[in-house]
Amino acid sequence: MAVYSVLVIEHNWHLSKLIKANLEALGFEVREAVSKEHGLQRLEEGRPDLILLDLDLPAGLDFLSALRRRYMAEPVPVILMAGDPPNRHLLQQAEVRGHLLKPFGVPGLLEQVERLLGALPNA
């Protein structure tokens, strides 16, 4: 079975580690970033299959714009994570495929990931 790569861009260290631990336990390759700039550096390491983006992050929307420019032909699916529901315009962007309201549980996270990638690697 294919190993999926997930980039988690989250400024909350505890939440980032929780997401990483749960996804790695299922066989995902997980890279972490704590800022827009760090996320863009992580993209240099290779195109992920999925991005989990903290929308509450300073310059989170700027990251989406940079992502769109980089992968214009084939958008990388993004799940937004935020304390408040994102606006409808943001949810209609090509790369945005889902959102999770903080605090969210692991089952909700895995449901969104499975919906986008088709299956969980070791589930």
Protein backbone atom coordinates (compact mmCIF):
# COMPACT_ATOMS: atom_id res chain seq x y z
CA MET A 1 0.00 0.00 0.00
CA ALA A 2 1.19 3.54 -0.77
CA VAL A 3 2.70 5.67 1.96
CA TYR A 4 0.98 9.02 2.05
CA SER A 5 2.88 12.18 2.94
CA VAL A 6 1.19 14.78 5.13
CA LEU A 7 2.50 18.25 5.95
CA VAL A 8 1.13 19.61 9.24
CA ILE A 9 1.49 23.38 9.62
CA GLU A 10 0.43 24.14 13.17
CA HIS A 11 1.86 26.61 15.68
CA ASN A 12 0.58 24.69 18.72
CA TRP A 13 3.34 22.19 19.51
CA HIS A 14 1.05 19.84 21.47
CA LEU A 15 -1.59 19.67 18.76
CA SER A 16 1.04 19.16 16.07
CA LYS A 17 2.58 16.25 18.01
CA LEU A 18 -0.86 14.70 18.62
CA ILE A 19 -1.71 14.84 14.91
CA LYS A 20 1.72 13.50 13.94
CA ALA A 21 1.60 10.60 16.41
CA ASN A 22 -1.86 9.50 15.28
CA LEU A 23 -1.08 9.71 11.57
CA GLU A 24 2.31 8.01 11.89
CA ALA A 25 0.68 5.18 13.86
CA LEU A 26 -1.44 4.56 10.76
CA GLY A 27 1.55 4.56 8.42
CA PHE A 28 1.65 8.14 7.17
CA GLU A 29 4.89 10.04 6.63
CA VAL A 30 4.40 13.29 8.54
CA ARG A 31 6.42 16.49 8.30
CA GLU A 32 5.75 19.41 10.62
CA ALA A 33 6.07 23.17 10.30
CA VAL A 34 5.30 25.98 12.73
CA SER A 35 4.95 28.96 10.37
CA LYS A 36 4.24 29.97 6.79
CA GLU A 37 7.95 30.26 6.06
CA HIS A 38 8.73 26.90 7.65
CA GLY A 39 5.86 25.33 5.69
CA LEU A 40 7.25 26.69 2.42
CA GLN A 41 10.67 25.27 3.34
CA ARG A 42 9.07 21.88 3.97
CA LEU A 43 7.51 22.00 0.49
CA GLU A 44 11.07 22.08 -0.88
CA GLU A 45 11.49 18.54 0.51
CA GLY A 46 8.78 17.25 -1.80
CA ARG A 47 5.11 17.57 -2.64
CA PRO A 48 2.89 16.21 0.13
CA ASP A 49 -0.29 14.28 -0.59
CA LEU A 50 -2.18 16.39 1.95
CA ILE A 51 -1.64 19.55 4.01
CA LEU A 52 -3.23 20.26 7.38
CA LEU A 53 -3.05 24.04 7.80
CA ASP A 54 -3.64 26.03 10.98
CA LEU A 55 -5.73 28.92 9.71
CA ASP A 56 -5.16 30.79 12.98
CA LEU A 57 -1.46 30.95 12.11
CA PRO A 58 -0.10 34.38 11.22
CA ALA A 59 0.10 34.48 7.40
CA GLY A 60 -1.90 31.25 7.03
CA LEU A 61 -3.81 32.75 4.11
CA ASP A 62 -0.51 33.84 2.54
CA PHE A 63 0.61 30.23 2.68
CA LEU A 64 -2.47 29.20 0.68
CA SER A 65 -1.63 31.78 -1.98
CA ALA A 66 1.98 30.59 -2.22
CA LEU A 67 0.79 26.98 -2.37
CA ARG A 68 -1.62 27.83 -5.18
CA ARG A 69 1.16 29.46 -7.21
CA ARG A 70 3.51 26.51 -6.68
CA TYR A 71 1.04 23.73 -7.52
CA MET A 72 -1.28 25.53 -9.91
CA ALA A 73 -1.68 22.59 -12.31
CA GLU A 74 -2.37 19.99 -9.63
CA PRO A 75 -3.45 21.49 -6.29
CA VAL A 76 -2.41 19.79 -3.06
CA PRO A 77 -5.53 19.12 -0.97
CA VAL A 78 -5.69 21.19 2.21
CA ILE A 79 -7.68 20.67 5.38
CA LEU A 80 -7.99 23.91 7.33
CA MET A 81 -7.85 23.79 11.12
CA ALA A 82 -9.29 26.81 12.91
CA GLY A 83 -10.96 28.02 16.08
CA ASP A 84 -13.73 29.66 14.04
CA PRO A 85 -15.44 28.35 10.90
CA PRO A 86 -13.69 29.58 7.74
CA ASN A 87 -15.70 31.82 5.43
CA ARG A 88 -17.47 30.37 2.39
CA HIS A 89 -15.12 32.07 -0.08
CA LEU A 90 -12.12 30.39 1.53
CA LEU A 91 -13.81 26.99 1.48
CA GLN A 92 -14.48 27.34 -2.25
CA GLN A 93 -10.79 27.59 -3.16
CA ALA A 94 -9.60 24.64 -5.25
CA GLU A 95 -7.08 23.29 -2.77
CA VAL A 96 -9.30 23.57 0.32
CA ARG A 97 -11.07 20.25 0.67
CA GLY A 98 -12.18 20.30 4.29
CA HIS A 99 -11.96 21.96 7.66
CA LEU A 100 -11.76 20.99 11.29
CA LEU A 101 -12.96 23.24 14.10
CA LYS A 102 -10.62 23.35 17.10
CA PRO A 103 -10.72 21.55 19.38
CA PHE A 104 -11.33 18.48 17.25
CA GLY A 105 -11.01 14.79 18.02
CA VAL A 106 -8.84 12.22 16.34
CA PRO A 107 -11.84 10.39 14.79
CA GLY A 108 -12.89 13.60 12.99
CA LEU A 109 -9.34 14.13 11.75
CA LEU A 110 -9.05 10.57 10.45
CA GLU A 111 -12.47 10.76 8.79
CA GLN A 112 -11.42 13.87 6.82
CA VAL A 113 -8.04 12.36 5.88
CA GLU A 114 -9.63 9.11 4.73
CA ARG A 115 -12.24 10.99 2.70
CA LEU A 116 -9.52 12.87 0.81
CA LEU A 117 -6.95 10.13 0.34
CA GLY A 118 -9.34 7.23 -0.17
CA ALA A 119 -8.03 4.96 2.57
CA LEU A 120 -5.87 4.98 5.65
CA PRO A 121 -2.58 3.11 5.07
CA ASN A 122 -2.69 0.66 7.99
CA ALA A 123 -6.33 0.80 9.03
